[in-house]
Amino acid sequence: MGNITSDLKSDLNKSLESLQTLRDEIRVRLHLAGMDAKDAWDKLEPKLLDAEKLADDVSEASRHALREIVEKVKEFRSSLPS
C-alpha cells in the first residue's frame, strides 16, 4: 500500500513540476500574444492553483484531474506563437 502511495505522490509531483514549467513558458509567450490569448489564460491560470491543491491529495482521482489540467495547459501553450 505504501508503494502505491509513493508512486502516486511521485506522479503528482512530476505533473505539478510540468505545470510550473508550462506556466513559466506561457507567461513569456503571453508577452508576444494578443488580448484574446491573455483572456483565455486568465480563465485557465486559476486551474493551476487547483492543481497544486490536488497534488496534496494523493489519490487516483487527483492524478487523473491533474493530468487533465496539464493537457489543457499544453494545448493552450501550443496555441501561442513561438
Protein backbone atom coordinates (compact mmCIF):
# COMPACT_ATOMS: atom_id res chain seq x y z
CA MET A 1 0.00 0.00 0.00
CA GLY A 2 2.84 2.40 0.81
CA ASN A 3 4.44 1.81 -2.59
CA ILE A 4 1.23 2.78 -4.39
CA THR A 5 1.02 5.97 -2.33
CA SER A 6 4.66 6.71 -3.08
CA ASP A 7 4.09 6.15 -6.82
CA LEU A 8 1.03 8.40 -6.76
CA LYS A 9 2.89 11.12 -4.88
CA SER A 10 5.80 10.91 -7.32
CA ASP A 11 3.45 11.11 -10.30
CA LEU A 12 1.60 14.06 -8.78
CA ASN A 13 4.88 15.87 -8.14
CA LYS A 14 6.02 15.30 -11.74
CA SER A 15 2.73 16.67 -13.04
CA LEU A 16 2.98 19.68 -10.77
CA GLU A 17 6.55 20.37 -11.94
CA SER A 18 5.37 20.10 -15.53
CA LEU A 19 2.61 22.62 -14.84
CA GLN A 20 5.03 25.05 -13.26
CA THR A 21 7.34 24.84 -16.29
CA LEU A 22 4.40 25.27 -18.66
CA ARG A 23 3.17 28.26 -16.65
CA ASP A 24 6.54 29.97 -16.93
CA GLU A 25 6.75 29.33 -20.68
CA ILE A 26 3.21 30.62 -21.19
CA ARG A 27 3.86 33.80 -19.26
CA VAL A 28 6.80 34.54 -21.56
CA ARG A 29 4.77 33.79 -24.69
CA LEU A 30 1.86 35.93 -23.50
CA HIS A 31 4.04 38.97 -23.89
CA LEU A 32 4.03 38.17 -27.61
CA ALA A 33 0.36 37.21 -27.84
CA GLY A 34 -2.75 39.33 -28.22
CA MET A 35 -5.54 40.12 -25.80
CA ASP A 36 -7.59 37.05 -26.79
CA ALA A 37 -4.81 34.79 -25.61
CA LYS A 38 -4.47 36.83 -22.43
CA ASP A 39 -8.19 36.47 -21.71
CA ALA A 40 -8.03 32.71 -22.31
CA TRP A 41 -5.02 32.45 -19.98
CA ASP A 42 -6.80 34.43 -17.28
CA LYS A 43 -9.53 31.78 -17.31
CA LEU A 44 -7.08 28.87 -17.34
CA GLU A 45 -4.49 30.04 -14.81
CA PRO A 46 -6.69 29.56 -11.70
CA LYS A 47 -6.77 25.85 -12.57
CA LEU A 48 -3.07 25.77 -11.77
CA LEU A 49 -3.86 26.74 -8.19
CA ASP A 50 -6.41 23.94 -8.15
CA ALA A 51 -3.70 21.59 -9.42
CA GLU A 52 -1.42 22.49 -6.54
CA LYS A 53 -4.19 21.60 -4.11
CA LEU A 54 -4.88 18.34 -5.97
CA ALA A 55 -1.24 17.33 -5.62
CA ASP A 56 -1.67 17.34 -1.84
CA ASP A 57 -4.45 14.74 -2.14
CA VAL A 58 -2.64 11.56 -3.10
CA SER A 59 -5.33 9.63 -4.96
CA GLU A 60 -6.20 8.25 -8.39
CA ALA A 61 -8.80 10.99 -8.80
CA SER A 62 -6.17 13.64 -8.14
CA ARG A 63 -3.78 12.05 -10.59
CA HIS A 64 -6.47 11.97 -13.28
CA ALA A 65 -7.58 15.56 -12.65
CA LEU A 66 -4.01 16.83 -12.62
CA ARG A 67 -3.23 15.09 -15.90
CA GLU A 68 -6.29 16.72 -17.48
CA ILE A 69 -5.15 20.14 -16.33
CA VAL A 70 -1.65 19.51 -17.71
CA GLU A 71 -3.15 18.58 -21.09
CA LYS A 72 -5.32 21.72 -21.19
CA VAL A 73 -2.33 23.89 -20.37
CA LYS A 74 -0.22 22.14 -23.05
CA GLU A 75 -2.97 22.76 -25.60
CA PHE A 76 -3.06 26.41 -24.66
CA ARG A 77 0.73 26.67 -24.92
CA SER A 78 0.57 25.13 -28.40
CA SER A 79 -1.90 27.79 -29.49
CA LEU A 80 0.57 30.57 -28.65
CA PRO A 81 3.17 31.93 -31.07
CA SER A 82 6.66 30.55 -30.54
